[in-house]
Protein backbone atom coordinates (compact mmCIF):
# COMPACT_ATOMS: atom_id res chain seq x y z
CA MET A 1 147.32 111.31 94.24
CA THR A 2 148.43 110.52 90.67
CA ASP A 3 146.52 111.62 87.57
CA LYS A 4 145.40 108.03 87.04
CA GLN A 5 144.06 107.82 90.58
CA THR A 6 142.25 111.14 90.10
CA ASP A 7 140.56 109.81 86.97
CA THR A 8 139.40 106.59 88.61
CA ALA A 9 138.64 107.76 92.15
CA LEU A 10 134.99 107.94 93.16
CA ARG A 11 133.91 111.56 93.58
CA THR A 12 132.28 111.36 96.99
CA LEU A 13 129.82 113.44 99.01
CA ILE A 14 129.67 112.91 102.80
CA VAL A 15 126.27 113.52 104.39
CA ASP A 16 125.82 113.54 108.18
CA ASP A 17 124.14 115.97 110.58
CA GLU A 18 126.89 115.55 113.19
CA PRO A 19 129.98 117.70 112.44
CA LEU A 20 132.27 115.33 114.35
CA ALA A 21 130.96 112.39 112.31
CA VAL A 22 131.65 114.31 109.08
CA GLU A 23 135.16 115.12 110.28
CA ARG A 24 135.85 111.51 111.22
CA MET A 25 134.59 110.31 107.84
CA GLN A 26 136.82 112.84 106.05
CA VAL A 27 139.83 111.51 107.96
CA ILE A 28 138.97 107.93 107.00
CA CYS A 29 138.31 108.85 103.36
CA ALA A 30 141.67 110.61 103.13
CA LYS A 31 143.31 107.21 103.68
CA LEU A 32 141.49 105.56 100.77
CA LYS A 33 143.04 105.98 97.34
CA ASP A 34 139.81 105.17 95.51
CA LEU A 35 137.95 108.16 96.99
CA SER A 36 138.00 111.87 96.29
CA VAL A 37 135.77 113.89 98.67
CA VAL A 38 134.11 116.70 96.69
CA GLY A 39 131.83 118.05 99.42
CA THR A 40 129.94 117.54 102.67
CA ALA A 41 126.35 118.20 103.75
CA ASN A 42 124.72 118.33 107.17
CA ASP A 43 121.11 117.62 106.20
CA GLY A 44 119.02 115.96 103.52
CA SER A 45 118.01 119.15 101.73
CA ALA A 46 121.60 120.29 101.37
CA ALA A 47 122.58 116.80 100.24
CA LEU A 48 120.05 116.85 97.39
CA ARG A 49 121.19 120.31 96.28
CA LEU A 50 124.85 119.30 96.29
CA ILE A 51 124.15 116.04 94.49
CA GLU A 52 122.44 118.01 91.75
CA ALA A 53 125.28 120.54 91.55
CA LEU A 54 128.34 118.30 92.01
CA LYS A 55 127.15 115.07 90.36
CA PRO A 56 129.15 112.82 92.72
CA ASP A 57 129.77 109.15 91.95
CA LEU A 58 129.13 108.11 95.54
CA VAL A 59 127.23 109.40 98.57
CA LEU A 60 128.17 108.29 102.09
CA LEU A 61 124.75 108.85 103.62
CA ASP A 62 123.75 108.98 107.27
CA MET A 63 120.36 107.42 107.97
CA THR A 64 119.02 109.52 110.83
CA MET A 65 118.85 113.27 110.16
CA PRO A 66 116.18 115.85 111.02
CA GLU A 67 113.47 116.72 108.46
CA ILE A 68 114.73 114.87 105.35
CA ASP A 69 116.48 111.71 106.55
CA GLY A 70 118.84 109.44 104.65
CA LEU A 71 116.13 107.06 103.46
CA SER A 72 114.14 109.98 102.04
CA VAL A 73 117.21 111.24 100.20
CA ALA A 74 117.82 107.77 98.75
CA ARG A 75 114.18 107.47 97.66
CA LYS A 76 114.42 110.75 95.76
CA LEU A 77 117.65 109.59 94.13
CA ALA A 78 116.01 106.29 93.15
CA GLU A 79 113.60 108.26 90.95
CA GLN A 80 116.49 109.58 88.85
CA ASP A 81 117.92 107.79 85.81
CA ALA A 82 121.49 108.93 86.50
CA ARG A 83 122.18 108.76 90.21
CA PRO A 84 125.18 108.25 92.47
CA ALA A 85 125.86 105.03 94.30
CA VAL A 86 124.80 105.15 97.96
CA ILE A 87 126.52 103.65 100.99
CA PHE A 88 124.41 104.09 104.11
CA VAL A 89 126.34 104.91 107.27
CA THR A 90 124.34 104.53 110.47
CA ALA A 91 124.39 103.56 114.12
CA HIS A 92 121.23 101.47 113.64
CA ASP A 93 120.92 98.01 112.09
CA HIS A 94 117.13 97.90 111.63
CA PHE A 95 117.01 99.89 108.38
CA ALA A 96 118.67 97.14 106.36
CA VAL A 97 115.50 95.97 104.58
CA GLU A 98 114.72 99.50 103.37
CA ALA A 99 118.35 99.94 102.34
CA PHE A 100 118.50 96.95 100.02
CA ASP A 101 115.07 97.86 98.63
CA LEU A 102 116.65 101.17 97.55
CA ASP A 103 119.56 99.34 95.88
CA ALA A 104 122.22 100.72 98.20
CA VAL A 105 125.76 99.50 97.58
CA ASP A 106 126.35 98.77 101.25
CA TYR A 107 125.23 99.44 104.80
CA VAL A 108 128.03 100.34 107.22
CA LEU A 109 127.49 100.59 110.96
CA LYS A 110 129.01 103.29 113.14
CA PRO A 111 131.61 103.63 114.51
CA VAL A 112 133.01 103.17 111.01
CA ALA A 113 136.19 101.13 110.73
CA THR A 114 138.54 101.98 107.86
CA ASP A 115 138.75 98.38 106.60
CA ARG A 116 134.95 98.02 106.67
CA LEU A 117 134.47 101.20 104.64
CA GLU A 118 137.20 100.08 102.25
CA ARG A 119 135.27 96.87 101.52
CA ALA A 120 132.18 98.96 100.83
CA ILE A 121 134.18 101.20 98.47
CA ASP A 122 135.46 98.12 96.63
CA ARG A 123 131.84 97.14 96.02
CA ALA A 124 131.05 100.63 94.73
CA MET A 125 134.03 100.45 92.36
CA THR A 126 132.88 97.05 91.10
CA ARG A 127 129.37 98.36 90.55
CA ARG A 128 130.71 101.34 88.60
CA GLY A 129 132.63 98.93 86.39
CA GLU A 130 129.39 97.07 85.70
CA SER A 131 127.29 100.19 85.18
CA ASP A 132 126.85 99.52 81.47
CA ALA A 133 125.29 96.13 82.18
CA LYS A 134 121.56 95.97 82.82
CA GLY A 135 120.90 95.20 86.48
CA SER A 136 118.62 92.40 87.54
CA GLU A 137 115.09 93.27 88.59
CA TRP A 138 115.33 90.58 91.27
CA LEU A 139 116.97 90.71 94.67
CA GLU A 140 120.61 89.63 94.56
CA GLU A 141 121.77 90.20 98.15
CA LEU A 142 120.52 90.58 101.71
CA TRP A 143 121.94 92.19 104.86
CA VAL A 144 121.28 90.38 108.13
CA PRO A 145 122.22 91.39 111.69
CA HIS A 146 125.04 89.16 112.92
CA ARG A 147 126.74 89.88 116.24
CA SER A 148 127.84 93.53 116.13
CA GLU A 149 127.63 94.06 112.38
CA LEU A 150 125.52 93.42 109.32
CA LEU A 151 126.44 90.41 107.24
CA ARG A 152 125.93 90.50 103.49
CA ILE A 153 124.48 87.31 102.03
CA GLU A 154 124.21 86.61 98.34
CA VAL A 155 120.71 85.39 97.53
CA SER A 156 122.30 82.63 95.45
CA GLN A 157 123.64 81.15 98.72
CA VAL A 158 120.18 80.80 100.29
CA SER A 159 118.64 77.33 99.98
CA GLN A 160 115.50 77.73 102.12
CA ILE A 161 113.48 80.54 103.70
CA ASP A 162 111.08 79.93 106.59
CA ALA A 163 108.54 82.39 108.01
CA GLU A 164 108.75 83.17 111.73
CA ARG A 165 106.08 85.79 112.52
CA ASP A 166 107.38 89.13 111.15
CA TYR A 167 110.78 87.58 110.41
CA VAL A 168 112.18 85.10 107.94
CA ARG A 169 114.89 82.55 108.68
CA LEU A 170 117.43 82.21 105.90
CA HIS A 171 119.19 78.86 105.49
CA VAL A 172 122.72 79.36 104.18
CA GLY A 173 124.78 76.18 104.19
CA ASP A 174 124.75 74.83 107.75
CA ARG A 175 123.88 78.25 109.24
CA THR A 176 120.64 80.17 109.60
CA TYR A 177 120.02 83.91 110.00
CA LEU A 178 116.95 85.90 111.03
CA LEU A 179 115.87 88.88 108.96
CA LEU A 180 113.11 91.35 109.82
CA GLN A 181 110.99 90.88 106.69
CA THR A 182 107.72 89.10 105.90
CA ILE A 183 107.90 86.04 103.69
CA ALA A 184 105.30 87.52 101.33
CA GLY A 185 107.31 90.71 100.92
CA LEU A 186 110.52 88.78 100.29
CA GLU A 187 108.85 86.42 97.82
CA LYS A 188 107.97 89.37 95.56
CA ARG A 189 111.67 90.27 95.30
CA LEU A 190 112.98 86.77 94.52
CA ASP A 191 113.53 85.50 90.99
CA PRO A 192 110.75 82.95 90.30
CA ALA A 193 113.12 81.12 87.99
CA GLU A 194 115.31 80.37 91.03
CA PHE A 195 112.86 80.13 93.97
CA ILE A 196 109.44 78.63 94.55
CA ARG A 197 107.05 78.91 97.49
CA ILE A 198 105.78 75.50 98.57
CA HIS A 199 103.90 76.50 101.70
CA ARG A 200 102.65 79.68 103.36
CA SER A 201 105.72 79.47 105.60
CA THR A 202 108.38 78.05 103.23
CA ILE A 203 110.23 79.14 100.09
CA LEU A 204 112.83 76.86 98.50
CA ARG A 205 115.61 77.33 95.99
CA LYS A 206 114.58 75.13 93.08
CA ASP A 207 117.95 73.45 92.70
CA ALA A 208 117.71 72.26 96.35
CA ILE A 209 114.72 70.09 95.38
CA ARG A 210 115.50 66.48 94.53
CA GLY A 211 111.95 65.39 93.74
CA LEU A 212 108.27 65.30 94.67
CA ARG A 213 106.55 62.59 96.67
CA HIS A 214 102.85 61.70 96.74
CA ASP A 215 101.88 60.79 100.31
CA GLY A 216 98.29 59.82 99.47
CA LEU A 217 94.91 61.55 99.86
CA GLY A 218 96.11 64.43 97.69
CA VAL A 219 99.05 65.23 100.00
CA TRP A 220 102.42 65.89 98.35
CA SER A 221 105.86 66.59 99.75
CA VAL A 222 109.09 68.01 98.38
CA GLU A 223 112.22 65.92 98.88
CA LEU A 224 115.40 67.93 99.41
CA GLU A 225 118.92 66.97 98.45
CA ASP A 226 119.73 66.17 102.08
CA GLY A 227 116.82 63.72 102.28
CA GLU A 228 114.47 65.94 104.26
CA ALA A 229 110.82 65.99 103.17
CA LEU A 230 108.68 69.16 103.40
CA ARG A 231 104.94 69.11 102.93
CA ILE A 232 103.53 71.20 100.07
CA GLY A 233 100.59 73.43 100.93
CA ARG A 234 97.46 72.82 98.84
CA THR A 235 97.44 76.43 97.62
CA TYR A 236 100.95 76.05 96.21
CA LEU A 237 100.68 72.49 94.87
CA PRO A 238 99.62 73.41 91.29
CA LYS A 239 102.61 75.70 90.84
CA VAL A 240 105.02 73.12 92.31
CA LYS A 241 103.61 70.41 90.01
CA ALA A 242 103.93 72.78 87.04
CA MET A 243 107.59 73.24 87.90
CA ALA A 244 107.99 69.48 87.60
CA GLY A 245 106.04 69.38 84.33
CA ARG A 246 102.95 67.72 85.84
C-alpha cells in the first residue's frame, strides 16, 4: 500500500463472535485498497473498548452476538458526537429498519461477497468526504428485502407509500416493495416538505400530486400525475388544503 493509500484508507475494526467469520472478513478486506484493518473483536464489550482505544473510521459490525449485540453497540455509538461509520454484516434481513434508524452506512448480508462489501465501502468513503456537511434530520434512504439481498432505495425515488398491516408498500417507478414498518413510524422520519399523508393508509410525495378535486358532500380527492385519483381522509383534509393554499 502506498503512503497516499495509507492516508486515505478507512481504519477499520471487524466485529464478529465467530472466528471463521472474522478470518473470512479479514481476507476480503485485504483485497480492498480503501481499507486498513486495525483490529478485531469477538463481542460487543470488546468492540466498544477497542473503538474507544483505536478510534477507527469504520466498524464492520455483526448483528447477532451474545450479551451486547451489534444493535446495542451501534446505539451506544449513536450517543457519541465523534463516532465511526458502521456497516452491519449479518445473516438476517429483518433488522434493516433498526439499522437505518441508527444511521448505518450499509447493511450487508452474509455470506459476504467482495463486490458487495466494496460497494458498501464506497458509500463509507463518500460519507467521510461529506462529513463536514450537516446531515439531514430526515430519512434519506431505505433498505428493503428483495430476492436474496437487501435493496437500497433513495427516499427521493418513492412516490407513494401505502399501509398494509404492519408493513408499508413503497411505490418506486413501476415497481413496489414491502417493508416491515408501520406507516405512522415511517411518517415521522419523512421530510414534511417533501411528503404529505392524505389518508390513514396513504402518504404521497408532494410533487406526484397534480391537483385536488372536490367530489361533493365535503369529499375531496388528490389527482396524481398519472391520472389516478385517491380519496383524502377527513382527518388529513385540512393539512392537504393548506398545502394547496386553501
